[in-house]
Amino acid sequence: MSIPETLGLSSATLGAVFVTAWIVAIGVALYRYDRERITRRELSLASGGALMWLAWSLLQVVTAFSGAVATAIDLLSLGLFVTGVGLLVHWWRIRETDGSERL
């Protein structure tokens, strides 16, 4: 039995909840970076991970659509995944530098 079935939700509904949660997580990370509460390194790590999970969540949402909309969501998901990987590579490269540097 899957989690959506256990909760009585469709995959698309649960995916929409996750999409919202990951967008909020990215927004909080950007806000904290703007207020200088986290470093560039921490922002890269948080945003990269959140974008990858956001991409996965969009793949759950796409089950509710078909045709051109589903294709657009799939392409958006792929773009977010690649961007997330890029941010994690950026984090990997700067993880040993001084954390006080800003973008």
PDB file of N, CA and C in Angstrom:
ATOM      1  N   MET A   1       0.850  -1.179   0.000  1.00  0.00           N
ATOM      2  CA  MET A   1       0.000   0.000   0.000  1.00  0.00           C
ATOM      3  C   MET A   1       0.890   1.234   0.000  1.00  0.00           C
ATOM      4  N   SER A   2       0.565   2.183  -0.854  1.00  0.00           N
ATOM      5  CA  SER A   2       1.376   3.391  -0.960  1.00  0.00           C
ATOM      6  C   SER A   2       0.894   4.462   0.018  1.00  0.00           C
ATOM      7  N   ILE A   3       1.724   5.453   0.204  1.00  0.00           N
ATOM      8  CA  ILE A   3       1.397   6.541   1.136  1.00  0.00           C
ATOM      9  C   ILE A   3       0.141   7.297   0.715  1.00  0.00           C
ATOM     10  N   PRO A   4      -0.004   7.681  -0.578  1.00  0.00           N
ATOM     11  CA  PRO A   4      -1.238   8.383  -0.952  1.00  0.00           C
ATOM     12  C   PRO A   4      -2.494   7.562  -0.658  1.00  0.00           C
ATOM     13  N   GLU A   5      -2.441   6.246  -0.886  1.00  0.00           N
ATOM     14  CA  GLU A   5      -3.601   5.403  -0.603  1.00  0.00           C
ATOM     15  C   GLU A   5      -3.878   5.345   0.893  1.00  0.00           C
ATOM     16  N   THR A   6      -2.824   5.278   1.695  1.00  0.00           N
ATOM     17  CA  THR A   6      -2.976   5.237   3.149  1.00  0.00           C
ATOM     18  C   THR A   6      -3.633   6.509   3.661  1.00  0.00           C
ATOM     19  N   LEU A   7      -3.246   7.646   3.088  1.00  0.00           N
ATOM     20  CA  LEU A   7      -3.803   8.929   3.519  1.00  0.00           C
ATOM     21  C   LEU A   7      -5.128   9.256   2.853  1.00  0.00           C
ATOM     22  N   GLY A   8      -5.513   8.457   1.869  1.00  0.00           N
ATOM     23  CA  GLY A   8      -6.758   8.705   1.162  1.00  0.00           C
ATOM     24  C   GLY A   8      -6.657   9.851   0.164  1.00  0.00           C
ATOM     25  N   LEU A   9      -5.470  10.093  -0.362  1.00  0.00           N
ATOM     26  CA  LEU A   9      -5.241  11.174  -1.316  1.00  0.00           C
ATOM     27  C   LEU A   9      -4.769  10.595  -2.642  1.00  0.00           C
ATOM     28  N   SER A  10      -4.951  11.351  -3.701  1.00  0.00           N
ATOM     29  CA  SER A  10      -4.382  10.944  -4.984  1.00  0.00           C
ATOM     30  C   SER A  10      -2.916  11.361  -5.018  1.00  0.00           C
ATOM     31  N   SER A  11      -2.152  10.753  -5.913  1.00  0.00           N
ATOM     32  CA  SER A  11      -0.746  11.129  -6.060  1.00  0.00           C
ATOM     33  C   SER A  11      -0.611  12.599  -6.436  1.00  0.00           C
ATOM     34  N   ALA A  12      -1.522  13.073  -7.274  1.00  0.00           N
ATOM     35  CA  ALA A  12      -1.470  14.475  -7.702  1.00  0.00           C
ATOM     36  C   ALA A  12      -1.698  15.422  -6.528  1.00  0.00           C
ATOM     37  N   THR A  13      -2.629  15.091  -5.657  1.00  0.00           N
ATOM     38  CA  THR A  13      -2.905  15.940  -4.494  1.00  0.00           C
ATOM     39  C   THR A  13      -1.722  15.970  -3.546  1.00  0.00           C
ATOM     40  N   LEU A  14      -1.178  14.797  -3.268  1.00  0.00           N
ATOM     41  CA  LEU A  14      -0.013  14.736  -2.381  1.00  0.00           C
ATOM     42  C   LEU A  14       1.169  15.454  -3.022  1.00  0.00           C
ATOM     43  N   GLY A  15       1.332  15.312  -4.338  1.00  0.00           N
ATOM     44  CA  GLY A  15       2.388  16.026  -5.040  1.00  0.00           C
ATOM     45  C   GLY A  15       2.219  17.522  -4.942  1.00  0.00           C
ATOM     46  N   ALA A  16       0.969  18.008  -5.039  1.00  0.00           N
ATOM     47  CA  ALA A  16       0.712  19.447  -4.926  1.00  0.00           C
ATOM     48  C   ALA A  16       1.088  19.964  -3.538  1.00  0.00           C
ATOM     49  N   VAL A  17       0.830  19.169  -2.517  1.00  0.00           N
ATOM     50  CA  VAL A  17       1.220  19.547  -1.156  1.00  0.00           C
ATOM     51  C   VAL A  17       2.739  19.650  -1.068  1.00  0.00           C
ATOM     52  N   PHE A  18       3.439  18.665  -1.650  1.00  0.00           N
ATOM     53  CA  PHE A  18       4.901  18.691  -1.637  1.00  0.00           C
ATOM     54  C   PHE A  18       5.458  19.846  -2.453  1.00  0.00           C
ATOM     55  N   VAL A  19       4.856  20.147  -3.606  1.00  0.00           N
ATOM     56  CA  VAL A  19       5.294  21.278  -4.425  1.00  0.00           C
ATOM     57  C   VAL A  19       5.213  22.559  -3.608  1.00  0.00           C
ATOM     58  N   THR A  20       4.109  22.751  -2.933  1.00  0.00           N
ATOM     59  CA  THR A  20       3.938  23.939  -2.095  1.00  0.00           C
ATOM     60  C   THR A  20       4.992  23.979  -0.993  1.00  0.00           C
ATOM     61  N   ALA A  21       5.228  22.864  -0.352  1.00  0.00           N
ATOM     62  CA  ALA A  21       6.205  22.807   0.739  1.00  0.00           C
ATOM     63  C   ALA A  21       7.610  23.140   0.246  1.00  0.00           C
ATOM     64  N   TRP A  22       7.996  22.615  -0.907  1.00  0.00           N
ATOM     65  CA  TRP A  22       9.348  22.872  -1.403  1.00  0.00           C
ATOM     66  C   TRP A  22       9.504  24.298  -1.908  1.00  0.00           C
ATOM     67  N   ILE A  23       8.455  24.872  -2.457  1.00  0.00           N
ATOM     68  CA  ILE A  23       8.525  26.284  -2.859  1.00  0.00           C
ATOM     69  C   ILE A  23       8.691  27.167  -1.622  1.00  0.00           C
ATOM     70  N   VAL A  24       7.985  26.844  -0.557  1.00  0.00           N
ATOM     71  CA  VAL A  24       8.135  27.590   0.702  1.00  0.00           C
ATOM     72  C   VAL A  24       9.554  27.419   1.244  1.00  0.00           C
ATOM     73  N   ALA A  25      10.096  26.205   1.172  1.00  0.00           N
ATOM     74  CA  ALA A  25      11.459  25.959   1.664  1.00  0.00           C
ATOM     75  C   ALA A  25      12.480  26.791   0.894  1.00  0.00           C
ATOM     76  N   ILE A  26      12.317  26.868  -0.418  1.00  0.00           N
ATOM     77  CA  ILE A  26      13.228  27.682  -1.230  1.00  0.00           C
ATOM     78  C   ILE A  26      13.070  29.164  -0.872  1.00  0.00           C
ATOM     79  N   GLY A  27      11.828  29.608  -0.694  1.00  0.00           N
ATOM     80  CA  GLY A  27      11.576  30.996  -0.312  1.00  0.00           C
ATOM     81  C   GLY A  27      12.191  31.339   1.036  1.00  0.00           C
ATOM     82  N   VAL A  28      12.079  30.445   1.992  1.00  0.00           N
ATOM     83  CA  VAL A  28      12.670  30.677   3.314  1.00  0.00           C
ATOM     84  C   VAL A  28      14.189  30.741   3.213  1.00  0.00           C
ATOM     85  N   ALA A  29      14.786  29.848   2.414  1.00  0.00           N
ATOM     86  CA  ALA A  29      16.242  29.866   2.251  1.00  0.00           C
ATOM     87  C   ALA A  29      16.696  31.183   1.618  1.00  0.00           C
ATOM     88  N   LEU A  30      15.976  31.642   0.596  1.00  0.00           N
ATOM     89  CA  LEU A  30      16.334  32.918  -0.043  1.00  0.00           C
ATOM     90  C   LEU A  30      16.158  34.087   0.923  1.00  0.00           C
ATOM     91  N   TYR A  31      15.089  34.066   1.704  1.00  0.00           N
ATOM     92  CA  TYR A  31      14.859  35.125   2.693  1.00  0.00           C
ATOM     93  C   TYR A  31      15.987  35.145   3.727  1.00  0.00           C
ATOM     94  N   ARG A  32      16.350  33.965   4.219  1.00  0.00           N
ATOM     95  CA  ARG A  32      17.412  33.891   5.221  1.00  0.00           C
ATOM     96  C   ARG A  32      18.754  34.335   4.645  1.00  0.00           C
ATOM     97  N   TYR A  33      19.006  34.016   3.383  1.00  0.00           N
ATOM     98  CA  TYR A  33      20.240  34.463   2.735  1.00  0.00           C
ATOM     99  C   TYR A  33      20.235  35.984   2.581  1.00  0.00           C
ATOM    100  N   ASP A  34      19.099  36.528   2.185  1.00  0.00           N
ATOM    101  CA  ASP A  34      18.980  37.976   2.028  1.00  0.00           C
ATOM    102  C   ASP A  34      19.224  38.693   3.353  1.00  0.00           C
ATOM    103  N   ARG A  35      18.790  38.093   4.431  1.00  0.00           N
ATOM    104  CA  ARG A  35      18.979  38.672   5.764  1.00  0.00           C
ATOM    105  C   ARG A  35      20.328  38.295   6.375  1.00  0.00           C
ATOM    106  N   GLU A  36      21.177  37.628   5.590  1.00  0.00           N
ATOM    107  CA  GLU A  36      22.513  37.213   5.991  1.00  0.00           C
ATOM    108  C   GLU A  36      22.517  36.281   7.199  1.00  0.00           C
ATOM    109  N   ARG A  37      21.530  35.424   7.269  1.00  0.00           N
ATOM    110  CA  ARG A  37      21.474  34.429   8.343  1.00  0.00           C
ATOM    111  C   ARG A  37      22.068  33.095   7.914  1.00  0.00           C
ATOM    112  N   ILE A  38      22.193  32.885   6.602  1.00  0.00           N
ATOM    113  CA  ILE A  38      22.873  31.698   6.094  1.00  0.00           C
ATOM    114  C   ILE A  38      23.896  32.135   5.049  1.00  0.00           C
ATOM    115  N   THR A  39      24.885  31.286   4.826  1.00  0.00           N
ATOM    116  CA  THR A  39      25.953  31.603   3.888  1.00  0.00           C
ATOM    117  C   THR A  39      25.594  31.146   2.478  1.00  0.00           C
ATOM    118  N   ARG A  40      26.437  31.538   1.524  1.00  0.00           N
ATOM    119  CA  ARG A  40      26.255  31.119   0.136  1.00  0.00           C
ATOM    120  C   ARG A  40      26.301  29.596   0.027  1.00  0.00           C
ATOM    121  N   ARG A  41      27.187  28.997   0.784  1.00  0.00           N
ATOM    122  CA  ARG A  41      27.319  27.535   0.778  1.00  0.00           C
ATOM    123  C   ARG A  41      26.031  26.881   1.262  1.00  0.00           C
ATOM    124  N   GLU A  42      25.478  27.369   2.342  1.00  0.00           N
ATOM    125  CA  GLU A  42      24.232  26.810   2.875  1.00  0.00           C
ATOM    126  C   GLU A  42      23.061  27.045   1.932  1.00  0.00           C
ATOM    127  N   LEU A  43      23.033  28.204   1.279  1.00  0.00           N
ATOM    128  CA  LEU A  43      21.983  28.491   0.308  1.00  0.00           C
ATOM    129  C   LEU A  43      22.059  27.527  -0.874  1.00  0.00           C
ATOM    130  N   SER A  44      23.263  27.267  -1.360  1.00  0.00           N
ATOM    131  CA  SER A  44      23.430  26.327  -2.475  1.00  0.00           C
ATOM    132  C   SER A  44      22.960  24.937  -2.096  1.00  0.00           C
ATOM    133  N   LEU A  45      23.310  24.487  -0.910  1.00  0.00           N
ATOM    134  CA  LEU A  45      22.905  23.158  -0.468  1.00  0.00           C
ATOM    135  C   LEU A  45      21.388  23.064  -0.292  1.00  0.00           C
ATOM    136  N   ALA A  46      20.814  24.027   0.387  1.00  0.00           N
ATOM    137  CA  ALA A  46      19.364  24.009   0.637  1.00  0.00           C
ATOM    138  C   ALA A  46      18.575  24.131  -0.658  1.00  0.00           C
ATOM    139  N   SER A  47      18.973  25.051  -1.519  1.00  0.00           N
ATOM    140  CA  SER A  47      18.243  25.258  -2.771  1.00  0.00           C
ATOM    141  C   SER A  47      18.403  24.088  -3.723  1.00  0.00           C
ATOM    142  N   GLY A  48      19.601  23.536  -3.814  1.00  0.00           N
ATOM    143  CA  GLY A  48      19.819  22.389  -4.691  1.00  0.00           C
ATOM    144  C   GLY A  48      18.983  21.195  -4.289  1.00  0.00           C
ATOM    145  N   GLY A  49      18.982  20.880  -3.014  1.00  0.00           N
ATOM    146  CA  GLY A  49      18.163  19.764  -2.531  1.00  0.00           C
ATOM    147  C   GLY A  49      16.681  20.020  -2.714  1.00  0.00           C
ATOM    148  N   ALA A  50      16.248  21.233  -2.400  1.00  0.00           N
ATOM    149  CA  ALA A  50      14.829  21.566  -2.530  1.00  0.00           C
ATOM    150  C   ALA A  50      14.375  21.536  -3.988  1.00  0.00           C
ATOM    151  N   LEU A  51      15.220  21.997  -4.908  1.00  0.00           N
ATOM    152  CA  LEU A  51      14.843  21.957  -6.322  1.00  0.00           C
ATOM    153  C   LEU A  51      14.730  20.531  -6.836  1.00  0.00           C
ATOM    154  N   MET A  52      15.609  19.656  -6.372  1.00  0.00           N
ATOM    155  CA  MET A  52      15.513  18.255  -6.797  1.00  0.00           C
ATOM    156  C   MET A  52      14.226  17.614  -6.265  1.00  0.00           C
ATOM    157  N   TRP A  53      13.874  17.893  -5.019  1.00  0.00           N
ATOM    158  CA  TRP A  53      12.632  17.357  -4.468  1.00  0.00           C
ATOM    159  C   TRP A  53      11.414  18.007  -5.116  1.00  0.00           C
ATOM    160  N   LEU A  54      11.526  19.274  -5.460  1.00  0.00           N
ATOM    161  CA  LEU A  54      10.445  19.954  -6.174  1.00  0.00           C
ATOM    162  C   LEU A  54      10.211  19.293  -7.531  1.00  0.00           C
ATOM    163  N   ALA A  55      11.292  18.938  -8.207  1.00  0.00           N
ATOM    164  CA  ALA A  55      11.170  18.250  -9.500  1.00  0.00           C
ATOM    165  C   ALA A  55      10.444  16.917  -9.324  1.00  0.00           C
ATOM    166  N   TRP A  56      10.784  16.170  -8.294  1.00  0.00           N
ATOM    167  CA  TRP A  56      10.112  14.894  -8.033  1.00  0.00           C
ATOM    168  C   TRP A  56       8.634  15.124  -7.722  1.00  0.00           C
ATOM    169  N   SER A  57       8.344  16.139  -6.938  1.00  0.00           N
ATOM    170  CA  SER A  57       6.954  16.433  -6.578  1.00  0.00           C
ATOM    171  C   SER A  57       6.129  16.800  -7.802  1.00  0.00           C
ATOM    172  N   LEU A  58       6.724  17.535  -8.742  1.00  0.00           N
ATOM    173  CA  LEU A  58       6.009  17.875  -9.968  1.00  0.00           C
ATOM    174  C   LEU A  58       5.682  16.621 -10.779  1.00  0.00           C
ATOM    175  N   LEU A  59       6.533  15.614 -10.707  1.00  0.00           N
ATOM    176  CA  LEU A  59       6.242  14.360 -11.404  1.00  0.00           C
ATOM    177  C   LEU A  59       5.043  13.643 -10.782  1.00  0.00           C
ATOM    178  N   GLN A  60       4.774  13.906  -9.525  1.00  0.00           N
ATOM    179  CA  GLN A  60       3.576  13.357  -8.893  1.00  0.00           C
ATOM    180  C   GLN A  60       2.340  14.127  -9.356  1.00  0.00           C
ATOM    181  N   VAL A  61       2.483  15.428  -9.505  1.00  0.00           N
ATOM    182  CA  VAL A  61       1.369  16.281  -9.927  1.00  0.00           C
ATOM    183  C   VAL A  61       0.974  15.989 -11.364  1.00  0.00           C
ATOM    184  N   VAL A  62       1.942  15.651 -12.208  1.00  0.00           N
ATOM    185  CA  VAL A  62       1.684  15.468 -13.634  1.00  0.00           C
ATOM    186  C   VAL A  62       0.701  14.323 -13.898  1.00  0.00           C
ATOM    187  N   THR A  63       0.487  13.449 -12.935  1.00  0.00           N
ATOM    188  CA  THR A  63      -0.458  12.338 -13.128  1.00  0.00           C
ATOM    189  C   THR A  63      -1.891  12.835 -13.316  1.00  0.00           C
ATOM    190  N   ALA A  64      -2.164  14.066 -12.913  1.00  0.00           N
ATOM    191  CA  ALA A  64      -3.514  14.614 -13.043  1.00  0.00           C
ATOM    192  C   ALA A  64      -3.737  15.286 -14.397  1.00  0.00           C
ATOM    193  N   PHE A  65      -2.698  15.390 -15.210  1.00  0.00           N
ATOM    194  CA  PHE A  65      -2.794  16.095 -16.482  1.00  0.00           C
ATOM    195  C   PHE A  65      -2.439  15.175 -17.635  1.00  0.00           C
ATOM    196  N   SER A  66      -2.765  15.631 -18.832  1.00  0.00           N
ATOM    197  CA  SER A  66      -2.374  14.895 -20.030  1.00  0.00           C
ATOM    198  C   SER A  66      -2.082  15.891 -21.146  1.00  0.00           C
ATOM    199  N   GLY A  67      -1.477  15.397 -22.201  1.00  0.00           N
ATOM    200  CA  GLY A  67      -1.224  16.228 -23.373  1.00  0.00           C
ATOM    201  C   GLY A  67      -0.124  17.236 -23.169  1.00  0.00           C
ATOM    202  N   ALA A  68      -0.345  18.441 -23.701  1.00  0.00           N
ATOM    203  CA  ALA A  68       0.676  19.491 -23.690  1.00  0.00           C
ATOM    204  C   ALA A  68       0.997  19.962 -22.272  1.00  0.00           C
ATOM    205  N   VAL A  69       0.000  19.977 -21.405  1.00  0.00           N
ATOM    206  CA  VAL A  69       0.240  20.415 -20.016  1.00  0.00           C
ATOM    207  C   VAL A  69       1.168  19.434 -19.313  1.00  0.00           C
ATOM    208  N   ALA A  70       0.931  18.147 -19.508  1.00  0.00           N
ATOM    209  CA  ALA A  70       1.789  17.132 -18.893  1.00  0.00           C
ATOM    210  C   ALA A  70       3.213  17.232 -19.428  1.00  0.00           C
ATOM    211  N   THR A  71       3.354  17.474 -20.714  1.00  0.00           N
ATOM    212  CA  THR A  71       4.680  17.627 -21.313  1.00  0.00           C
ATOM    213  C   THR A  71       5.399  18.844 -20.740  1.00  0.00           C
ATOM    214  N   ALA A  72       4.678  19.955 -20.591  1.00  0.00           N
ATOM    215  CA  ALA A  72       5.269  21.171 -20.027  1.00  0.00           C
ATOM    216  C   ALA A  72       5.719  20.946 -18.587  1.00  0.00           C
ATOM    217  N   ILE A  73       4.909  20.254 -17.806  1.00  0.00           N
ATOM    218  CA  ILE A  73       5.275  19.969 -16.413  1.00  0.00           C
ATOM    219  C   ILE A  73       6.485  19.039 -16.369  1.00  0.00           C
ATOM    220  N   ASP A  74       6.539  18.051 -17.255  1.00  0.00           N
ATOM    221  CA  ASP A  74       7.698  17.161 -17.323  1.00  0.00           C
ATOM    222  C   ASP A  74       8.971  17.929 -17.656  1.00  0.00           C
ATOM    223  N   LEU A  75       8.890  18.838 -18.620  1.00  0.00           N
ATOM    224  CA  LEU A  75      10.058  19.632 -18.996  1.00  0.00           C
ATOM    225  C   LEU A  75      10.481  20.567 -17.862  1.00  0.00           C
ATOM    226  N   LEU A  76       9.502  21.169 -17.176  1.00  0.00           N
ATOM    227  CA  LEU A  76       9.814  22.004 -16.020  1.00  0.00           C
ATOM    228  C   LEU A  76      10.505  21.187 -14.939  1.00  0.00           C
ATOM    229  N   SER A  77      10.000  19.994 -14.708  1.00  0.00           N
ATOM    230  CA  SER A  77      10.595  19.109 -13.715  1.00  0.00           C
ATOM    231  C   SER A  77      12.036  18.767 -14.075  1.00  0.00           C
ATOM    232  N   LEU A  78      12.274  18.470 -15.338  1.00  0.00           N
ATOM    233  CA  LEU A  78      13.631  18.166 -15.790  1.00  0.00           C
ATOM    234  C   LEU A  78      14.550  19.372 -15.600  1.00  0.00           C
ATOM    235  N   GLY A  79      14.066  20.556 -15.954  1.00  0.00           N
ATOM    236  CA  GLY A  79      14.865  21.765 -15.776  1.00  0.00           C
ATOM    237  C   GLY A  79      15.196  22.039 -14.318  1.00  0.00           C
ATOM    238  N   LEU A  80      14.216  21.844 -13.440  1.00  0.00           N
ATOM    239  CA  LEU A  80      14.457  22.053 -12.008  1.00  0.00           C
ATOM    240  C   LEU A  80      15.452  21.037 -11.465  1.00  0.00           C
ATOM    241  N   PHE A  81      15.361  19.798 -11.935  1.00  0.00           N
ATOM    242  CA  PHE A  81      16.295  18.763 -11.500  1.00  0.00           C
ATOM    243  C   PHE A  81      17.725  19.116 -11.906  1.00  0.00           C
ATOM    244  N   VAL A  82      17.902  19.513 -13.160  1.00  0.00           N
ATOM    245  CA  VAL A  82      19.236  19.870 -13.654  1.00  0.00           C
ATOM    246  C   VAL A  82      19.769  21.091 -12.894  1.00  0.00           C
ATOM    247  N   THR A  83      18.916  22.062 -12.635  1.00  0.00           N
ATOM    248  CA  THR A  83      19.324  23.240 -11.861  1.00  0.00           C
ATOM    249  C   THR A  83      19.721  22.843 -10.441  1.00  0.00           C
ATOM    250  N   GLY A  84      18.948  21.940  -9.841  1.00  0.00           N
ATOM    251  CA  GLY A  84      19.275  21.453  -8.502  1.00  0.00           C
ATOM    252  C   GLY A  84      20.618  20.745  -8.458  1.00  0.00           C
ATOM    253  N   VAL A  85      20.877  19.907  -9.451  1.00  0.00           N
ATOM    254  CA  VAL A  85      22.171  19.226  -9.531  1.00  0.00           C
ATOM    255  C   VAL A  85      23.287  20.264  -9.684  1.00  0.00           C
ATOM    256  N   GLY A  86      23.053  21.276 -10.528  1.00  0.00           N
ATOM    257  CA  GLY A  86      24.043  22.341 -10.707  1.00  0.00           C
ATOM    258  C   GLY A  86      24.348  23.062  -9.404  1.00  0.00           C
ATOM    259  N   LEU A  87      23.320  23.357  -8.631  1.00  0.00           N
ATOM    260  CA  LEU A  87      23.533  24.021  -7.335  1.00  0.00           C
ATOM    261  C   LEU A  87      24.282  23.125  -6.357  1.00  0.00           C
ATOM    262  N   LEU A  88      24.010  21.829  -6.394  1.00  0.00           N
ATOM    263  CA  LEU A  88      24.725  20.913  -5.507  1.00  0.00           C
ATOM    264  C   LEU A  88      26.185  20.760  -5.932  1.00  0.00           C
ATOM    265  N   VAL A  89      26.454  20.791  -7.229  1.00  0.00           N
ATOM    266  CA  VAL A  89      27.840  20.785  -7.705  1.00  0.00           C
ATOM    267  C   VAL A  89      28.532  22.068  -7.247  1.00  0.00           C
ATOM    268  N   HIS A  90      27.823  23.196  -7.354  1.00  0.00           N
ATOM    269  CA  HIS A  90      28.368  24.474  -6.872  1.00  0.00           C
ATOM    270  C   HIS A  90      28.685  24.377  -5.386  1.00  0.00           C
ATOM    271  N   TRP A  91      27.777  23.811  -4.608  1.00  0.00           N
ATOM    272  CA  TRP A  91      28.011  23.625  -3.173  1.00  0.00           C
ATOM    273  C   TRP A  91      29.248  22.758  -2.943  1.00  0.00           C
ATOM    274  N   TRP A  92      29.388  21.686  -3.713  1.00  0.00           N
ATOM    275  CA  TRP A  92      30.511  20.770  -3.561  1.00  0.00           C
ATOM    276  C   TRP A  92      31.835  21.502  -3.799  1.00  0.00           C
ATOM    277  N   ARG A  93      31.837  22.386  -4.774  1.00  0.00           N
ATOM    278  CA  ARG A  93      33.063  23.108  -5.112  1.00  0.00           C
ATOM    279  C   ARG A  93      33.423  24.168  -4.071  1.00  0.00           C
ATOM    280  N   ILE A  94      32.443  24.789  -3.446  1.00  0.00           N
ATOM    281  CA  ILE A  94      32.738  25.876  -2.506  1.00  0.00           C
ATOM    282  C   ILE A  94      32.673  25.431  -1.053  1.00  0.00           C
ATOM    283  N   ARG A  95      32.444  24.158  -0.786  1.00  0.00           N
ATOM    284  CA  ARG A  95      32.231  23.712   0.592  1.00  0.00           C
ATOM    285  C   ARG A  95      33.421  23.937   1.500  1.00  0.00           C
ATOM    286  N   GLU A  96      34.618  24.056   0.937  1.00  0.00           N
ATOM    287  CA  GLU A  96      35.799  24.236   1.761  1.00  0.00           C
ATOM    288  C   GLU A  96      36.277  25.677   1.818  1.00  0.00           C
ATOM    289  N   THR A  97      35.599  26.575   1.075  1.00  0.00           N
ATOM    290  CA  THR A  97      36.001  27.980   1.114  1.00  0.00           C
ATOM    291  C   THR A  97      35.393  28.664   2.322  1.00  0.00           C
ATOM    292  N   ASP A  98      35.749  29.875   2.525  1.00  0.00           N
ATOM    293  CA  ASP A  98      35.217  30.655   3.628  1.00  0.00           C
ATOM    294  C   ASP A  98      33.700  30.822   3.459  1.00  0.00           C
ATOM    295  N   GLY A  99      32.940  30.459   4.461  1.00  0.00           N
ATOM    296  CA  GLY A  99      31.483  30.514   4.388  1.00  0.00           C
ATOM    297  C   GLY A  99      30.908  31.923   4.458  1.00  0.00           C
ATOM    298  N   SER A 100      31.737  32.908   4.718  1.00  0.00           N
ATOM    299  CA  SER A 100      31.207  34.266   4.846  1.00  0.00           C
ATOM    300  C   SER A 100      31.087  34.976   3.505  1.00  0.00           C
ATOM    301  N   GLU A 101      31.603  34.377   2.429  1.00  0.00           N
ATOM    302  CA  GLU A 101      31.508  35.011   1.118  1.00  0.00           C
ATOM    303  C   GLU A 101      30.063  35.014   0.650  1.00  0.00           C
ATOM    304  N   ARG A 102      29.703  36.026  -0.129  1.00  0.00           N
ATOM    305  CA  ARG A 102      28.353  36.143  -0.656  1.00  0.00           C
ATOM    306  C   ARG A 102      28.414  36.019  -2.164  1.00  0.00           C
ATOM    307  N   LEU A 103      27.291  35.636  -2.782  1.00  0.00           N
ATOM    308  CA  LEU A 103      27.227  35.499  -4.243  1.00  0.00           C
ATOM    309  C   LEU A 103      27.491  36.803  -4.949  1.00  0.00           C
TER     310      LEU A 103
END
